[in-house]
Amino acid sequence: MAEAFGPASEVFCWVPQEKGDHCDPVDTRQLQLLHFCLFLGISLAALLANGLIISAVACSHHLHTPMFFFLLNLALTDLGCICTTVPKAMHNSLWDTRNISYTGCAAQFFCLLFFMSAEYFLLTIMCYDRYVSICKPLHYRTILGSRACAHMAAAAWASGFLYSLLHTANTFSVPLCKGNALGQFFCEIPQILKLSCSKFYLRELGLIAGSVCLAFACFVFIVFSYVQIFRAVLRIPSEQGRHKAFSTCLPHLAVLSLFLSTSFFANLKPLSFSSPSLDLSLSLLYSVVPPVLNPLIYSLRNQEIKAAVWTLMTGCFQEH
């Protein structure tokens, strides 16, 4: 599928086509409706799952701990990601259009980058939370008090905002010399770079290199923290204690692995190593799938979350 910075001039096909291929209008309309229903189901699942996590943490006093406070913030970033990309794609499918304004594309680009970068910073902070919880349990409440947690969460959101603002301003100041069609259902970095002029393209690559350095610094911190965590866990004498300590880390590791493996490869792979189908699949993986899977990963192995969600749901049913 493709979106354009202005009036569309090419035949629109929801499935990426090679040059010379054609779309049957009837088949195209059926694919559009299928696309709409698919994204409607995904968005409702993401809204329900993340909404339940947010409500459960906010309403259950025994979940007012640093770990669940950061989990609430993570759910907010997931909601932001899904609400940035999916509604526009659903609108285009339902109304048989593919246009997006230049300003709308810049706003979508900024919001998605903001929520995704804030999510990465939050995942880094949550790694520190697990480190303090396992390696320094006696000082956990002292180091991660309510004020410290609020400051760290605010720093993650502020860093994501500044990073996305800088990246958006730099990207959309680059002249576009290669048409106005994006082979994607939302505005993302690789697709915009394909349209940029070559002499300005290098300037954007410099900012991307800086972003890679920042992301790598966070990655090194995460790896170092987990090395210390695993060393501390292996020193726990009881098998039950080791299992409990590992179980608190596994959801975070799973979410972090999903985030890194999809978003980094999708945005940092060489532009020559791409195809419409591959780009679409990777974009779905890093922008749509994590907001649905993240709350499931955290809730399936956490008895406190499951109990709080169940209490919340049963309470709502009893009231009605």
C-alpha atoms as a PDB file:
ATOM      1  CA  MET A   1       0.000   0.000   0.000  1.00  0.00           C
ATOM      2  CA  ALA A   2       1.191   3.532  -0.507  1.00  0.00           C
ATOM      3  CA  GLU A   3       0.510   6.984   0.799  1.00  0.00           C
ATOM      4  CA  ALA A   4       1.448  10.212  -0.942  1.00  0.00           C
ATOM      5  CA  PHE A   5       2.288  13.752   0.057  1.00  0.00           C
ATOM      6  CA  GLY A   6      -0.436  15.136  -2.134  1.00  0.00           C
ATOM      7  CA  PRO A   7      -2.893  14.065  -4.838  1.00  0.00           C
ATOM      8  CA  ALA A   8      -2.383  10.475  -5.876  1.00  0.00           C
ATOM      9  CA  SER A   9      -1.398  10.024  -9.498  1.00  0.00           C
ATOM     10  CA  GLU A  10      -0.920   6.270  -9.661  1.00  0.00           C
ATOM     11  CA  VAL A  11      -3.319   3.333  -9.502  1.00  0.00           C
ATOM     12  CA  PHE A  12      -3.648   2.340  -5.890  1.00  0.00           C
ATOM     13  CA  CYS A  13      -3.170  -1.268  -4.791  1.00  0.00           C
ATOM     14  CA  TRP A  14      -3.407  -2.314  -1.146  1.00  0.00           C
ATOM     15  CA  VAL A  15      -0.933  -5.140  -1.743  1.00  0.00           C
ATOM     16  CA  PRO A  16       2.475  -3.809  -2.885  1.00  0.00           C
ATOM     17  CA  GLN A  17       2.796  -4.466  -6.612  1.00  0.00           C
ATOM     18  CA  GLU A  18       5.799  -4.761  -8.870  1.00  0.00           C
ATOM     19  CA  LYS A  19       6.022  -2.502 -11.885  1.00  0.00           C
ATOM     20  CA  GLY A  20       3.740  -3.630 -14.639  1.00  0.00           C
ATOM     21  CA  ASP A  21       1.246  -5.376 -12.330  1.00  0.00           C
ATOM     22  CA  HIS A  22      -2.385  -4.308 -12.204  1.00  0.00           C
ATOM     23  CA  CYS A  23      -5.153  -4.505  -9.622  1.00  0.00           C
ATOM     24  CA  ASP A  24      -8.714  -5.551 -10.215  1.00  0.00           C
ATOM     25  CA  PRO A  25     -10.927  -2.799  -8.648  1.00  0.00           C
ATOM     26  CA  VAL A  26     -13.237  -5.420  -7.088  1.00  0.00           C
ATOM     27  CA  ASP A  27     -10.360  -7.383  -5.576  1.00  0.00           C
ATOM     28  CA  THR A  28      -8.760  -4.148  -4.410  1.00  0.00           C
ATOM     29  CA  ARG A  29     -11.929  -3.077  -2.591  1.00  0.00           C
ATOM     30  CA  GLN A  30     -12.191  -6.467  -0.891  1.00  0.00           C
ATOM     31  CA  LEU A  31      -8.578  -6.188   0.239  1.00  0.00           C
ATOM     32  CA  GLN A  32      -9.253  -2.705   1.566  1.00  0.00           C
ATOM     33  CA  LEU A  33     -12.200  -3.938   3.638  1.00  0.00           C
ATOM     34  CA  LEU A  34     -10.158  -6.901   4.863  1.00  0.00           C
ATOM     35  CA  HIS A  35      -7.387  -4.498   5.809  1.00  0.00           C
ATOM     36  CA  PHE A  36      -9.892  -2.332   7.695  1.00  0.00           C
ATOM     37  CA  CYS A  37     -11.335  -5.285   9.636  1.00  0.00           C
ATOM     38  CA  LEU A  38      -7.864  -6.622  10.454  1.00  0.00           C
ATOM     39  CA  PHE A  39      -6.638  -3.309  11.834  1.00  0.00           C
ATOM     40  CA  LEU A  40      -9.921  -2.731  13.659  1.00  0.00           C
ATOM     41  CA  GLY A  41      -9.481  -6.022  15.487  1.00  0.00           C
ATOM     42  CA  ILE A  42      -5.830  -5.300  16.268  1.00  0.00           C
ATOM     43  CA  SER A  43      -6.551  -1.797  17.546  1.00  0.00           C
ATOM     44  CA  LEU A  44      -9.446  -2.963  19.734  1.00  0.00           C
ATOM     45  CA  ALA A  45      -7.272  -5.739  21.187  1.00  0.00           C
ATOM     46  CA  ALA A  46      -4.467  -3.256  21.922  1.00  0.00           C
ATOM     47  CA  LEU A  47      -6.847  -0.716  23.463  1.00  0.00           C
ATOM     48  CA  LEU A  48      -8.506  -3.354  25.633  1.00  0.00           C
ATOM     49  CA  ALA A  49      -5.297  -5.027  26.808  1.00  0.00           C
ATOM     50  CA  ASN A  50      -3.376  -1.838  27.560  1.00  0.00           C
ATOM     51  CA  GLY A  51      -6.461  -0.146  28.984  1.00  0.00           C
ATOM     52  CA  LEU A  52      -6.937  -3.008  31.442  1.00  0.00           C
ATOM     53  CA  ILE A  53      -3.270  -2.809  32.513  1.00  0.00           C
ATOM     54  CA  ILE A  54      -3.501   0.956  33.048  1.00  0.00           C
ATOM     55  CA  SER A  55      -6.796   0.692  34.951  1.00  0.00           C
ATOM     56  CA  ALA A  56      -5.605  -2.227  37.085  1.00  0.00           C
ATOM     57  CA  VAL A  57      -2.381  -0.480  38.111  1.00  0.00           C
ATOM     58  CA  ALA A  58      -4.131   2.832  38.741  1.00  0.00           C
ATOM     59  CA  CYS A  59      -6.987   1.341  40.790  1.00  0.00           C
ATOM     60  CA  SER A  60      -5.130  -1.342  42.780  1.00  0.00           C
ATOM     61  CA  HIS A  61      -3.189   0.138  45.687  1.00  0.00           C
ATOM     62  CA  HIS A  62      -1.019  -2.953  46.117  1.00  0.00           C
ATOM     63  CA  LEU A  63       0.277  -2.393  42.561  1.00  0.00           C
ATOM     64  CA  HIS A  64       1.561   1.071  43.392  1.00  0.00           C
ATOM     65  CA  THR A  65       5.181  -0.072  43.189  1.00  0.00           C
ATOM     66  CA  PRO A  66       8.003   1.101  40.902  1.00  0.00           C
ATOM     67  CA  MET A  67       7.750  -1.926  38.608  1.00  0.00           C
ATOM     68  CA  PHE A  68       4.030  -1.468  37.960  1.00  0.00           C
ATOM     69  CA  PHE A  69       4.386   2.315  37.728  1.00  0.00           C
ATOM     70  CA  PHE A  70       6.811   1.885  34.834  1.00  0.00           C
ATOM     71  CA  LEU A  71       4.560  -0.800  33.358  1.00  0.00           C
ATOM     72  CA  LEU A  72       1.712   1.733  33.337  1.00  0.00           C
ATOM     73  CA  ASN A  73       3.932   4.174  31.436  1.00  0.00           C
ATOM     74  CA  LEU A  74       4.898   1.415  29.012  1.00  0.00           C
ATOM     75  CA  ALA A  75       1.226   0.705  28.336  1.00  0.00           C
ATOM     76  CA  LEU A  76       0.709   4.402  27.593  1.00  0.00           C
ATOM     77  CA  THR A  77       3.476   4.333  24.972  1.00  0.00           C
ATOM     78  CA  ASP A  78       1.914   1.238  23.401  1.00  0.00           C
ATOM     79  CA  LEU A  79      -1.442   2.989  23.183  1.00  0.00           C
ATOM     80  CA  GLY A  80       0.275   6.006  21.630  1.00  0.00           C
ATOM     81  CA  CYS A  81       1.970   3.862  18.975  1.00  0.00           C
ATOM     82  CA  ILE A  82      -1.208   2.069  17.947  1.00  0.00           C
ATOM     83  CA  CYS A  83      -3.264   5.287  17.886  1.00  0.00           C
ATOM     84  CA  THR A  84      -0.667   7.052  15.728  1.00  0.00           C
ATOM     85  CA  THR A  85      -0.583   4.640  12.793  1.00  0.00           C
ATOM     86  CA  VAL A  86      -3.730   2.505  12.742  1.00  0.00           C
ATOM     87  CA  PRO A  87      -6.577   5.109  12.608  1.00  0.00           C
ATOM     88  CA  LYS A  88      -5.200   6.749   9.449  1.00  0.00           C
ATOM     89  CA  ALA A  89      -4.692   3.354   7.801  1.00  0.00           C
ATOM     90  CA  MET A  90      -8.253   2.348   8.708  1.00  0.00           C
ATOM     91  CA  HIS A  91      -9.597   5.639   7.346  1.00  0.00           C
ATOM     92  CA  ASN A  92      -7.779   5.142   4.047  1.00  0.00           C
ATOM     93  CA  SER A  93      -9.078   1.592   3.732  1.00  0.00           C
ATOM     94  CA  LEU A  94     -12.683   2.484   4.502  1.00  0.00           C
ATOM     95  CA  TRP A  95     -12.888   5.571   2.303  1.00  0.00           C
ATOM     96  CA  ASP A  96     -10.754   4.225  -0.555  1.00  0.00           C
ATOM     97  CA  THR A  97      -8.060   6.883  -0.352  1.00  0.00           C
ATOM     98  CA  ARG A  98      -4.326   6.926   0.162  1.00  0.00           C
ATOM     99  CA  ASN A  99      -3.459  10.601   0.550  1.00  0.00           C
ATOM    100  CA  ILE A 100      -1.893  12.207   3.583  1.00  0.00           C
ATOM    101  CA  SER A 101      -0.907  15.851   3.856  1.00  0.00           C
ATOM    102  CA  TYR A 102       2.702  16.897   4.335  1.00  0.00           C
ATOM    103  CA  THR A 103       1.829  18.299   7.777  1.00  0.00           C
ATOM    104  CA  GLY A 104      -0.097  15.162   8.690  1.00  0.00           C
ATOM    105  CA  CYS A 105       2.834  12.991   7.678  1.00  0.00           C
ATOM    106  CA  ALA A 106       5.220  15.070   9.788  1.00  0.00           C
ATOM    107  CA  ALA A 107       2.856  14.868  12.783  1.00  0.00           C
ATOM    108  CA  GLN A 108       2.497  11.100  12.394  1.00  0.00           C
ATOM    109  CA  PHE A 109       6.260  10.721  12.034  1.00  0.00           C
ATOM    110  CA  PHE A 110       6.873  12.797  15.177  1.00  0.00           C
ATOM    111  CA  CYS A 111       4.271  11.019  17.320  1.00  0.00           C
ATOM    112  CA  LEU A 112       5.392   7.512  16.366  1.00  0.00           C
ATOM    113  CA  LEU A 113       9.048   8.361  16.964  1.00  0.00           C
ATOM    114  CA  PHE A 114       8.142  10.030  20.261  1.00  0.00           C
ATOM    115  CA  PHE A 115       6.258   7.040  21.643  1.00  0.00           C
ATOM    116  CA  MET A 116       8.767   4.487  20.381  1.00  0.00           C
ATOM    117  CA  SER A 117      11.816   6.334  21.725  1.00  0.00           C
ATOM    118  CA  ALA A 118      10.049   6.929  25.059  1.00  0.00           C
ATOM    119  CA  GLU A 119       9.270   3.197  25.169  1.00  0.00           C
ATOM    120  CA  TYR A 120      12.916   2.302  24.643  1.00  0.00           C
ATOM    121  CA  PHE A 121      14.022   4.677  27.404  1.00  0.00           C
ATOM    122  CA  LEU A 122      11.341   3.260  29.696  1.00  0.00           C
ATOM    123  CA  LEU A 123      12.500  -0.292  28.983  1.00  0.00           C
ATOM    124  CA  THR A 124      16.023   0.807  29.927  1.00  0.00           C
ATOM    125  CA  ILE A 125      14.728   2.270  33.191  1.00  0.00           C
ATOM    126  CA  MET A 126      12.728  -0.885  33.893  1.00  0.00           C
ATOM    127  CA  CYS A 127      15.959  -2.825  33.524  1.00  0.00           C
ATOM    128  CA  TYR A 128      17.467  -0.645  36.262  1.00  0.00           C
ATOM    129  CA  ASP A 129      14.381  -1.316  38.384  1.00  0.00           C
ATOM    130  CA  ARG A 130      14.960  -5.074  38.057  1.00  0.00           C
ATOM    131  CA  TYR A 131      18.650  -4.606  38.874  1.00  0.00           C
ATOM    132  CA  VAL A 132      17.917  -2.721  42.097  1.00  0.00           C
ATOM    133  CA  SER A 133      15.141  -5.154  43.063  1.00  0.00           C
ATOM    134  CA  ILE A 134      17.356  -8.243  42.759  1.00  0.00           C
ATOM    135  CA  CYS A 135      20.859  -6.959  43.487  1.00  0.00           C
ATOM    136  CA  LYS A 136      19.988  -4.420  46.194  1.00  0.00           C
ATOM    137  CA  PRO A 137      16.645  -5.562  47.639  1.00  0.00           C
ATOM    138  CA  LEU A 138      17.194  -3.952  51.062  1.00  0.00           C
ATOM    139  CA  HIS A 139      17.623  -0.519  49.456  1.00  0.00           C
ATOM    140  CA  TYR A 140      14.900  -0.923  46.847  1.00  0.00           C
ATOM    141  CA  ARG A 141      12.382   1.456  48.425  1.00  0.00           C
ATOM    142  CA  THR A 142      15.098   3.963  49.253  1.00  0.00           C
ATOM    143  CA  ILE A 143      16.647   4.100  45.781  1.00  0.00           C
ATOM    144  CA  LEU A 144      13.373   3.879  43.860  1.00  0.00           C
ATOM    145  CA  GLY A 145      11.050   6.046  45.896  1.00  0.00           C
ATOM    146  CA  SER A 146       7.961   7.626  44.379  1.00  0.00           C
ATOM    147  CA  ARG A 147       9.770  10.874  43.581  1.00  0.00           C
ATOM    148  CA  ALA A 148      12.719   9.094  41.962  1.00  0.00           C
ATOM    149  CA  CYS A 149      10.365   6.974  39.831  1.00  0.00           C
ATOM    150  CA  ALA A 150       8.420  10.045  38.721  1.00  0.00           C
ATOM    151  CA  HIS A 151      11.652  11.830  37.781  1.00  0.00           C
ATOM    152  CA  MET A 152      12.938   8.866  35.790  1.00  0.00           C
ATOM    153  CA  ALA A 153       9.647   8.434  33.937  1.00  0.00           C
ATOM    154  CA  ALA A 154       9.537  12.167  33.188  1.00  0.00           C
ATOM    155  CA  ALA A 155      13.121  11.984  31.909  1.00  0.00           C
ATOM    156  CA  ALA A 156      12.168   9.128  29.561  1.00  0.00           C
ATOM    157  CA  TRP A 157       9.194  11.037  28.162  1.00  0.00           C
ATOM    158  CA  ALA A 158      11.180  14.289  27.862  1.00  0.00           C
ATOM    159  CA  SER A 159      14.099  12.544  26.160  1.00  0.00           C
ATOM    160  CA  GLY A 160      11.734  10.895  23.698  1.00  0.00           C
ATOM    161  CA  PHE A 161      10.103  14.261  22.971  1.00  0.00           C
ATOM    162  CA  LEU A 162      13.393  16.090  22.362  1.00  0.00           C
ATOM    163  CA  TYR A 163      14.801  13.255  20.262  1.00  0.00           C
ATOM    164  CA  SER A 164      11.709  12.977  18.069  1.00  0.00           C
ATOM    165  CA  LEU A 165      11.460  16.763  17.704  1.00  0.00           C
ATOM    166  CA  LEU A 166      15.070  16.989  16.533  1.00  0.00           C
ATOM    167  CA  HIS A 167      14.697  14.025  14.197  1.00  0.00           C
ATOM    168  CA  THR A 168      11.424  15.285  12.709  1.00  0.00           C
ATOM    169  CA  ALA A 169      12.753  18.807  12.133  1.00  0.00           C
ATOM    170  CA  ASN A 170      15.867  17.436  10.431  1.00  0.00           C
ATOM    171  CA  THR A 171      14.037  14.856   8.303  1.00  0.00           C
ATOM    172  CA  PHE A 172      11.321  17.168   7.019  1.00  0.00           C
ATOM    173  CA  SER A 173      13.768  19.943   6.189  1.00  0.00           C
ATOM    174  CA  VAL A 174      15.295  17.652   3.549  1.00  0.00           C
ATOM    175  CA  PRO A 175      13.985  18.356   0.010  1.00  0.00           C
ATOM    176  CA  LEU A 176      12.201  15.464  -1.677  1.00  0.00           C
ATOM    177  CA  CYS A 177      13.475  14.856  -5.202  1.00  0.00           C
ATOM    178  CA  LYS A 178      12.135  11.394  -6.010  1.00  0.00           C
ATOM    179  CA  GLY A 179       8.367  11.748  -6.132  1.00  0.00           C
ATOM    180  CA  ASN A 180       5.863  11.812  -3.296  1.00  0.00           C
ATOM    181  CA  ALA A 181       4.675   8.212  -2.896  1.00  0.00           C
ATOM    182  CA  LEU A 182       5.520   6.207   0.214  1.00  0.00           C
ATOM    183  CA  GLY A 183       5.333   2.445  -0.131  1.00  0.00           C
ATOM    184  CA  GLN A 184       3.942   2.103   3.367  1.00  0.00           C
ATOM    185  CA  PHE A 185       0.736   2.641   5.356  1.00  0.00           C
ATOM    186  CA  PHE A 186       2.340   5.277   7.605  1.00  0.00           C
ATOM    187  CA  CYS A 187       5.220   7.763   7.509  1.00  0.00           C
ATOM    188  CA  GLU A 188       8.513   6.236   8.625  1.00  0.00           C
ATOM    189  CA  ILE A 189      12.189   7.104   8.298  1.00  0.00           C
ATOM    190  CA  PRO A 190      13.364   4.641   5.600  1.00  0.00           C
ATOM    191  CA  GLN A 191      10.497   5.451   3.234  1.00  0.00           C
ATOM    192  CA  ILE A 192      11.062   9.210   3.507  1.00  0.00           C
ATOM    193  CA  LEU A 193      14.817   8.821   3.010  1.00  0.00           C
ATOM    194  CA  LYS A 194      14.157   6.998  -0.264  1.00  0.00           C
ATOM    195  CA  LEU A 195      12.535  10.182  -1.578  1.00  0.00           C
ATOM    196  CA  SER A 196      15.197  12.625  -0.388  1.00  0.00           C
ATOM    197  CA  CYS A 197      17.882  14.304  -2.473  1.00  0.00           C
ATOM    198  CA  SER A 198      21.243  12.545  -2.297  1.00  0.00           C
ATOM    199  CA  LYS A 199      23.276  15.511  -1.018  1.00  0.00           C
ATOM    200  CA  PHE A 200      20.869  16.052   1.896  1.00  0.00           C
ATOM    201  CA  TYR A 201      20.555  12.336   2.525  1.00  0.00           C
ATOM    202  CA  LEU A 202      24.026  12.268   4.115  1.00  0.00           C
ATOM    203  CA  ARG A 203      22.968  14.847   6.710  1.00  0.00           C
ATOM    204  CA  GLU A 204      20.124  12.632   7.854  1.00  0.00           C
ATOM    205  CA  LEU A 205      22.481   9.661   7.998  1.00  0.00           C
ATOM    206  CA  GLY A 206      24.651  11.632  10.429  1.00  0.00           C
ATOM    207  CA  LEU A 207      21.699  12.073  12.785  1.00  0.00           C
ATOM    208  CA  ILE A 208      20.844   8.388  12.423  1.00  0.00           C
ATOM    209  CA  ALA A 209      24.426   7.532  13.376  1.00  0.00           C
ATOM    210  CA  GLY A 210      24.031   9.632  16.518  1.00  0.00           C
ATOM    211  CA  SER A 211      20.774   7.839  17.272  1.00  0.00           C
ATOM    212  CA  VAL A 212      22.518   4.490  16.902  1.00  0.00           C
ATOM    213  CA  CYS A 213      25.182   5.585  19.394  1.00  0.00           C
ATOM    214  CA  LEU A 214      22.505   6.618  21.917  1.00  0.00           C
ATOM    215  CA  ALA A 215      20.597   3.381  21.429  1.00  0.00           C
ATOM    216  CA  PHE A 216      23.817   1.389  21.745  1.00  0.00           C
ATOM    217  CA  ALA A 217      24.664   3.152  25.025  1.00  0.00           C
ATOM    218  CA  CYS A 218      21.281   2.120  26.427  1.00  0.00           C
ATOM    219  CA  PHE A 219      21.844  -1.403  25.127  1.00  0.00           C
ATOM    220  CA  VAL A 220      25.222  -1.629  26.861  1.00  0.00           C
ATOM    221  CA  PHE A 221      23.608  -0.466  30.102  1.00  0.00           C
ATOM    222  CA  ILE A 222      20.909  -3.128  29.729  1.00  0.00           C
ATOM    223  CA  VAL A 223      23.440  -5.890  29.061  1.00  0.00           C
ATOM    224  CA  PHE A 224      25.624  -4.830  31.989  1.00  0.00           C
ATOM    225  CA  SER A 225      22.605  -4.695  34.311  1.00  0.00           C
ATOM    226  CA  TYR A 226      21.435  -8.164  33.331  1.00  0.00           C
ATOM    227  CA  VAL A 227      24.905  -9.606  33.759  1.00  0.00           C
ATOM    228  CA  GLN A 228      24.802  -8.349  37.342  1.00  0.00           C
ATOM    229  CA  ILE A 229      21.238  -9.623  37.768  1.00  0.00           C
ATOM    230  CA  PHE A 230      22.075 -13.138  36.565  1.00  0.00           C
ATOM    231  CA  ARG A 231      25.159 -13.274  38.776  1.00  0.00           C
ATOM    232  CA  ALA A 232      23.046 -12.280  41.781  1.00  0.00           C
ATOM    233  CA  VAL A 233      20.298 -14.766  40.927  1.00  0.00           C
ATOM    234  CA  LEU A 234      22.739 -17.648  40.564  1.00  0.00           C
ATOM    235  CA  ARG A 235      24.028 -16.925  44.084  1.00  0.00           C
ATOM    236  CA  ILE A 236      20.547 -17.388  45.590  1.00  0.00           C
ATOM    237  CA  PRO A 237      20.714 -20.686  47.524  1.00  0.00           C
ATOM    238  CA  SER A 238      17.129 -21.895  47.081  1.00  0.00           C
ATOM    239  CA  GLU A 239      15.786 -23.047  43.746  1.00  0.00           C
ATOM    240  CA  GLN A 240      12.423 -21.432  44.475  1.00  0.00           C
ATOM    241  CA  GLY A 241      14.121 -18.092  45.099  1.00  0.00           C
ATOM    242  CA  ARG A 242      16.035 -18.311  41.821  1.00  0.00           C
ATOM    243  CA  HIS A 243      12.860 -19.198  39.940  1.00  0.00           C
ATOM    244  CA  LYS A 244      10.978 -16.254  41.460  1.00  0.00           C
ATOM    245  CA  ALA A 245      13.786 -13.840  40.617  1.00  0.00           C
ATOM    246  CA  PHE A 246      14.024 -15.077  37.031  1.00  0.00           C
ATOM    247  CA  SER A 247      10.234 -14.892  36.580  1.00  0.00           C
ATOM    248  CA  THR A 248      10.265 -11.155  37.338  1.00  0.00           C
ATOM    249  CA  CYS A 249      12.857 -10.592  34.605  1.00  0.00           C
ATOM    250  CA  LEU A 250      11.496 -12.804  31.827  1.00  0.00           C
ATOM    251  CA  PRO A 251       8.584 -10.539  30.756  1.00  0.00           C
ATOM    252  CA  HIS A 252      10.893  -7.534  30.533  1.00  0.00           C
ATOM    253  CA  LEU A 253      13.445  -9.523  28.533  1.00  0.00           C
ATOM    254  CA  ALA A 254      10.748 -10.777  26.162  1.00  0.00           C
ATOM    255  CA  VAL A 255       9.310  -7.292  25.543  1.00  0.00           C
ATOM    256  CA  LEU A 256      12.786  -5.807  25.147  1.00  0.00           C
ATOM    257  CA  SER A 257      13.850  -8.516  22.688  1.00  0.00           C
ATOM    258  CA  LEU A 258      10.689  -8.001  20.620  1.00  0.00           C
ATOM    259  CA  PHE A 259      11.244  -4.245  20.541  1.00  0.00           C
ATOM    260  CA  LEU A 260      14.911  -4.399  19.596  1.00  0.00           C
ATOM    261  CA  SER A 261      14.642  -7.153  17.001  1.00  0.00           C
ATOM    262  CA  THR A 262      11.809  -5.495  15.074  1.00  0.00           C
ATOM    263  CA  SER A 263      12.330  -1.735  15.323  1.00  0.00           C
ATOM    264  CA  PHE A 264      16.097  -1.704  14.936  1.00  0.00           C
ATOM    265  CA  PHE A 265      16.192  -3.980  11.926  1.00  0.00           C
ATOM    266  CA  ALA A 266      13.236  -2.253  10.263  1.00  0.00           C
ATOM    267  CA  ASN A 267      14.757   1.221  10.556  1.00  0.00           C
ATOM    268  CA  LEU A 268      18.486   0.497  10.284  1.00  0.00           C
ATOM    269  CA  LYS A 269      18.625  -2.162   7.575  1.00  0.00           C
ATOM    270  CA  PRO A 270      20.314  -1.056   4.324  1.00  0.00           C
ATOM    271  CA  LEU A 271      17.907   0.591   1.912  1.00  0.00           C
ATOM    272  CA  SER A 272      19.171  -1.718  -0.828  1.00  0.00           C
ATOM    273  CA  PHE A 273      18.062  -4.718   1.232  1.00  0.00           C
ATOM    274  CA  SER A 274      14.360  -4.000   0.963  1.00  0.00           C
ATOM    275  CA  SER A 275      11.234  -4.898  -0.951  1.00  0.00           C
ATOM    276  CA  PRO A 276       7.612  -3.720  -0.609  1.00  0.00           C
ATOM    277  CA  SER A 277       6.523  -6.944   1.068  1.00  0.00           C
ATOM    278  CA  LEU A 278       9.491  -7.020   3.458  1.00  0.00           C
ATOM    279  CA  ASP A 279       9.077  -3.353   4.392  1.00  0.00           C
ATOM    280  CA  LEU A 280       5.368  -3.844   5.062  1.00  0.00           C
ATOM    281  CA  SER A 281       5.944  -6.958   7.187  1.00  0.00           C
ATOM    282  CA  LEU A 282       8.659  -5.327   9.298  1.00  0.00           C
ATOM    283  CA  SER A 283       6.602  -2.172   9.784  1.00  0.00           C
ATOM    284  CA  LEU A 284       3.655  -4.223  11.001  1.00  0.00           C
ATOM    285  CA  LEU A 285       5.953  -6.082  13.408  1.00  0.00           C
ATOM    286  CA  TYR A 286       7.429  -3.042  15.101  1.00  0.00           C
ATOM    287  CA  SER A 287       4.502  -0.601  14.999  1.00  0.00           C
ATOM    288  CA  VAL A 288       1.376  -2.743  15.422  1.00  0.00           C
ATOM    289  CA  VAL A 289       2.261  -6.120  16.941  1.00  0.00           C
ATOM    290  CA  PRO A 290       4.151  -5.020  20.130  1.00  0.00           C
ATOM    291  CA  PRO A 291       1.272  -2.891  21.514  1.00  0.00           C
ATOM    292  CA  VAL A 292      -0.880  -6.030  21.416  1.00  0.00           C
ATOM    293  CA  LEU A 293       1.696  -8.527  22.683  1.00  0.00           C
ATOM    294  CA  ASN A 294       3.371  -6.438  25.403  1.00  0.00           C
ATOM    295  CA  PRO A 295       0.425  -6.411  27.856  1.00  0.00           C
ATOM    296  CA  LEU A 296      -0.118 -10.127  27.239  1.00  0.00           C
ATOM    297  CA  ILE A 297       3.537 -10.913  27.939  1.00  0.00           C
ATOM    298  CA  TYR A 298       3.483  -8.983  31.197  1.00  0.00           C
ATOM    299  CA  SER A 299       0.127 -10.250  32.392  1.00  0.00           C
ATOM    300  CA  LEU A 300       0.461 -13.950  31.563  1.00  0.00           C
ATOM    301  CA  ARG A 301       3.354 -14.533  33.992  1.00  0.00           C
ATOM    302  CA  ASN A 302       2.374 -12.008  36.651  1.00  0.00           C
ATOM    303  CA  GLN A 303      -0.185 -13.237  39.156  1.00  0.00           C
ATOM    304  CA  GLU A 304      -0.642  -9.786  40.693  1.00  0.00           C
ATOM    305  CA  ILE A 305      -1.598  -8.232  37.373  1.00  0.00           C
ATOM    306  CA  LYS A 306      -3.969 -11.075  36.526  1.00  0.00           C
ATOM    307  CA  ALA A 307      -5.627 -10.832  39.940  1.00  0.00           C
ATOM    308  CA  ALA A 308      -5.981  -7.041  39.671  1.00  0.00           C
ATOM    309  CA  VAL A 309      -7.436  -7.250  36.143  1.00  0.00           C
ATOM    310  CA  TRP A 310      -9.854  -9.973  37.216  1.00  0.00           C
ATOM    311  CA  THR A 311     -10.954  -7.930  40.232  1.00  0.00           C
ATOM    312  CA  LEU A 312     -11.406  -4.886  38.027  1.00  0.00           C
ATOM    313  CA  MET A 313     -13.489  -6.757  35.456  1.00  0.00           C
ATOM    314  CA  THR A 314     -15.659  -8.583  37.990  1.00  0.00           C
ATOM    315  CA  GLY A 315     -16.206  -5.330  39.860  1.00  0.00           C
ATOM    316  CA  CYS A 316     -17.414  -3.611  36.694  1.00  0.00           C
ATOM    317  CA  PHE A 317     -19.779  -6.483  35.875  1.00  0.00           C
ATOM    318  CA  GLN A 318     -21.209  -6.513  39.404  1.00  0.00           C
ATOM    319  CA  GLU A 319     -21.883  -2.774  39.255  1.00  0.00           C
ATOM    320  CA  HIS A 320     -23.886  -3.268  36.066  1.00  0.00           C
END
